[in-house]
């Protein structure tokens, strides 16, 4: 999905206040500093280690900004690729 497609889906969720693009490319720290989150949550297709590497994060950075990282263990096997396929099929 393109960024705009993903952002549209996310904005439609009641629990989402706003969507901020990753302005740092492979370094997510600038976007994280802008968003000021208290948590970063990823789906079960990620490991904490892989997410930390992908976003160029360290435990020290997370502690300094009081951010928790949580891997959401979903009970359903629905992923963005499933949503993407459903959108294109309509």
C-alpha atoms as a PDB file:
ATOM      1  CA  UNK A   1       0.000   0.000   0.000  1.00  0.00           C
ATOM      2  CA  UNK A   2       1.124   3.541  -0.604  1.00  0.00           C
ATOM      3  CA  UNK A   3       1.645   5.875   2.322  1.00  0.00           C
ATOM      4  CA  UNK A   4      -1.610   7.693   1.534  1.00  0.00           C
ATOM      5  CA  UNK A   5      -3.560   4.406   1.424  1.00  0.00           C
ATOM      6  CA  UNK A   6      -2.119   3.350   4.787  1.00  0.00           C
ATOM      7  CA  UNK A   7      -2.707   6.793   6.282  1.00  0.00           C
ATOM      8  CA  UNK A   8      -6.334   6.766   5.124  1.00  0.00           C
ATOM      9  CA  UNK A   9      -6.936   3.399   6.789  1.00  0.00           C
ATOM     10  CA  UNK A  10      -5.260   4.541   9.998  1.00  0.00           C
ATOM     11  CA  UNK A  11      -7.125   7.870  10.142  1.00  0.00           C
ATOM     12  CA  UNK A  12     -10.407   5.951   9.951  1.00  0.00           C
ATOM     13  CA  UNK A  13      -9.654   4.245  13.281  1.00  0.00           C
ATOM     14  CA  UNK A  14     -11.264   5.870  16.319  1.00  0.00           C
ATOM     15  CA  UNK A  15      -8.157   5.320  18.434  1.00  0.00           C
ATOM     16  CA  UNK A  16      -5.877   7.204  16.014  1.00  0.00           C
ATOM     17  CA  UNK A  17      -5.488  10.917  16.726  1.00  0.00           C
ATOM     18  CA  UNK A  18      -3.187  11.689  13.805  1.00  0.00           C
ATOM     19  CA  UNK A  19      -0.813  10.053  11.348  1.00  0.00           C
ATOM     20  CA  UNK A  20       2.750  11.286  11.023  1.00  0.00           C
ATOM     21  CA  UNK A  21       4.923  10.170   8.096  1.00  0.00           C
ATOM     22  CA  UNK A  22       8.378   8.808   8.782  1.00  0.00           C
ATOM     23  CA  UNK A  23      10.370  11.869   7.805  1.00  0.00           C
ATOM     24  CA  UNK A  24      13.726  10.308   8.636  1.00  0.00           C
ATOM     25  CA  UNK A  25      13.704   7.501   6.064  1.00  0.00           C
ATOM     26  CA  UNK A  26      15.658   4.697   7.756  1.00  0.00           C
ATOM     27  CA  UNK A  27      15.979   6.761  10.933  1.00  0.00           C
ATOM     28  CA  UNK A  28      12.576   7.035  12.596  1.00  0.00           C
ATOM     29  CA  UNK A  29      13.809   9.203  15.458  1.00  0.00           C
ATOM     30  CA  UNK A  30      12.800  12.584  13.893  1.00  0.00           C
ATOM     31  CA  UNK A  31       9.201  11.396  13.396  1.00  0.00           C
ATOM     32  CA  UNK A  32       9.131   9.867  16.872  1.00  0.00           C
ATOM     33  CA  UNK A  33      10.363  13.105  18.430  1.00  0.00           C
ATOM     34  CA  UNK A  34       7.628  14.968  16.530  1.00  0.00           C
ATOM     35  CA  UNK A  35       4.882  12.545  17.576  1.00  0.00           C
ATOM     36  CA  UNK A  36       6.027  12.276  21.219  1.00  0.00           C
ATOM     37  CA  UNK A  37       4.470   8.819  21.696  1.00  0.00           C
ATOM     38  CA  UNK A  38       4.479   6.912  24.958  1.00  0.00           C
ATOM     39  CA  UNK A  39       4.415   3.616  23.049  1.00  0.00           C
ATOM     40  CA  UNK A  40       5.380   2.104  19.727  1.00  0.00           C
ATOM     41  CA  UNK A  41       3.243  -0.891  18.809  1.00  0.00           C
ATOM     42  CA  UNK A  42       3.877  -3.343  15.995  1.00  0.00           C
ATOM     43  CA  UNK A  43       2.074  -6.442  14.808  1.00  0.00           C
ATOM     44  CA  UNK A  44       3.095  -9.995  15.542  1.00  0.00           C
ATOM     45  CA  UNK A  45       4.884 -10.260  12.202  1.00  0.00           C
ATOM     46  CA  UNK A  46       7.642  -8.160  13.810  1.00  0.00           C
ATOM     47  CA  UNK A  47      10.120  -8.971  16.551  1.00  0.00           C
ATOM     48  CA  UNK A  48      11.277  -6.260  18.933  1.00  0.00           C
ATOM     49  CA  UNK A  49      14.824  -6.636  17.653  1.00  0.00           C
ATOM     50  CA  UNK A  50      13.808  -6.294  13.997  1.00  0.00           C
ATOM     51  CA  UNK A  51      11.630  -3.268  14.755  1.00  0.00           C
ATOM     52  CA  UNK A  52      14.415  -1.565  16.716  1.00  0.00           C
ATOM     53  CA  UNK A  53      16.845  -2.106  13.843  1.00  0.00           C
ATOM     54  CA  UNK A  54      14.330  -1.002  11.170  1.00  0.00           C
ATOM     55  CA  UNK A  55      13.541   2.216  13.056  1.00  0.00           C
ATOM     56  CA  UNK A  56      17.152   2.864  14.136  1.00  0.00           C
ATOM     57  CA  UNK A  57      16.193   2.827  17.821  1.00  0.00           C
ATOM     58  CA  UNK A  58      18.174   1.989  20.924  1.00  0.00           C
ATOM     59  CA  UNK A  59      17.059   1.147  24.429  1.00  0.00           C
ATOM     60  CA  UNK A  60      18.768   4.351  25.593  1.00  0.00           C
ATOM     61  CA  UNK A  61      16.711   6.467  23.151  1.00  0.00           C
ATOM     62  CA  UNK A  62      13.495   4.772  24.284  1.00  0.00           C
ATOM     63  CA  UNK A  63      14.336   5.254  27.962  1.00  0.00           C
ATOM     64  CA  UNK A  64      15.302   8.898  27.422  1.00  0.00           C
ATOM     65  CA  UNK A  65      11.927   9.568  25.761  1.00  0.00           C
ATOM     66  CA  UNK A  66       9.964   7.219  28.075  1.00  0.00           C
ATOM     67  CA  UNK A  67       8.667   5.108  25.187  1.00  0.00           C
ATOM     68  CA  UNK A  68       7.568   1.482  25.498  1.00  0.00           C
ATOM     69  CA  UNK A  69       7.822  -0.937  22.575  1.00  0.00           C
ATOM     70  CA  UNK A  70       5.082  -3.554  22.373  1.00  0.00           C
ATOM     71  CA  UNK A  71       4.636  -6.347  19.874  1.00  0.00           C
ATOM     72  CA  UNK A  72       0.889  -6.930  19.585  1.00  0.00           C
ATOM     73  CA  UNK A  73       0.173 -10.633  19.607  1.00  0.00           C
ATOM     74  CA  UNK A  74      -2.974 -10.633  17.502  1.00  0.00           C
ATOM     75  CA  UNK A  75      -5.217 -13.650  17.572  1.00  0.00           C
ATOM     76  CA  UNK A  76      -6.282 -13.176  13.982  1.00  0.00           C
ATOM     77  CA  UNK A  77      -4.047 -13.786  11.014  1.00  0.00           C
ATOM     78  CA  UNK A  78      -4.971 -10.593   9.193  1.00  0.00           C
ATOM     79  CA  UNK A  79      -2.106  -8.490   7.907  1.00  0.00           C
ATOM     80  CA  UNK A  80      -1.768  -5.386   5.761  1.00  0.00           C
ATOM     81  CA  UNK A  81      -1.287  -7.561   2.689  1.00  0.00           C
ATOM     82  CA  UNK A  82      -4.710  -9.134   3.350  1.00  0.00           C
ATOM     83  CA  UNK A  83      -6.267  -5.668   3.606  1.00  0.00           C
ATOM     84  CA  UNK A  84      -4.450  -4.580   0.451  1.00  0.00           C
ATOM     85  CA  UNK A  85      -5.756  -7.562  -1.471  1.00  0.00           C
ATOM     86  CA  UNK A  86      -9.282  -6.859  -0.221  1.00  0.00           C
ATOM     87  CA  UNK A  87      -9.155  -3.213  -1.267  1.00  0.00           C
ATOM     88  CA  UNK A  88      -7.951  -4.051  -4.762  1.00  0.00           C
ATOM     89  CA  UNK A  89     -10.553  -6.784  -5.139  1.00  0.00           C
ATOM     90  CA  UNK A  90     -13.427  -4.341  -4.552  1.00  0.00           C
END
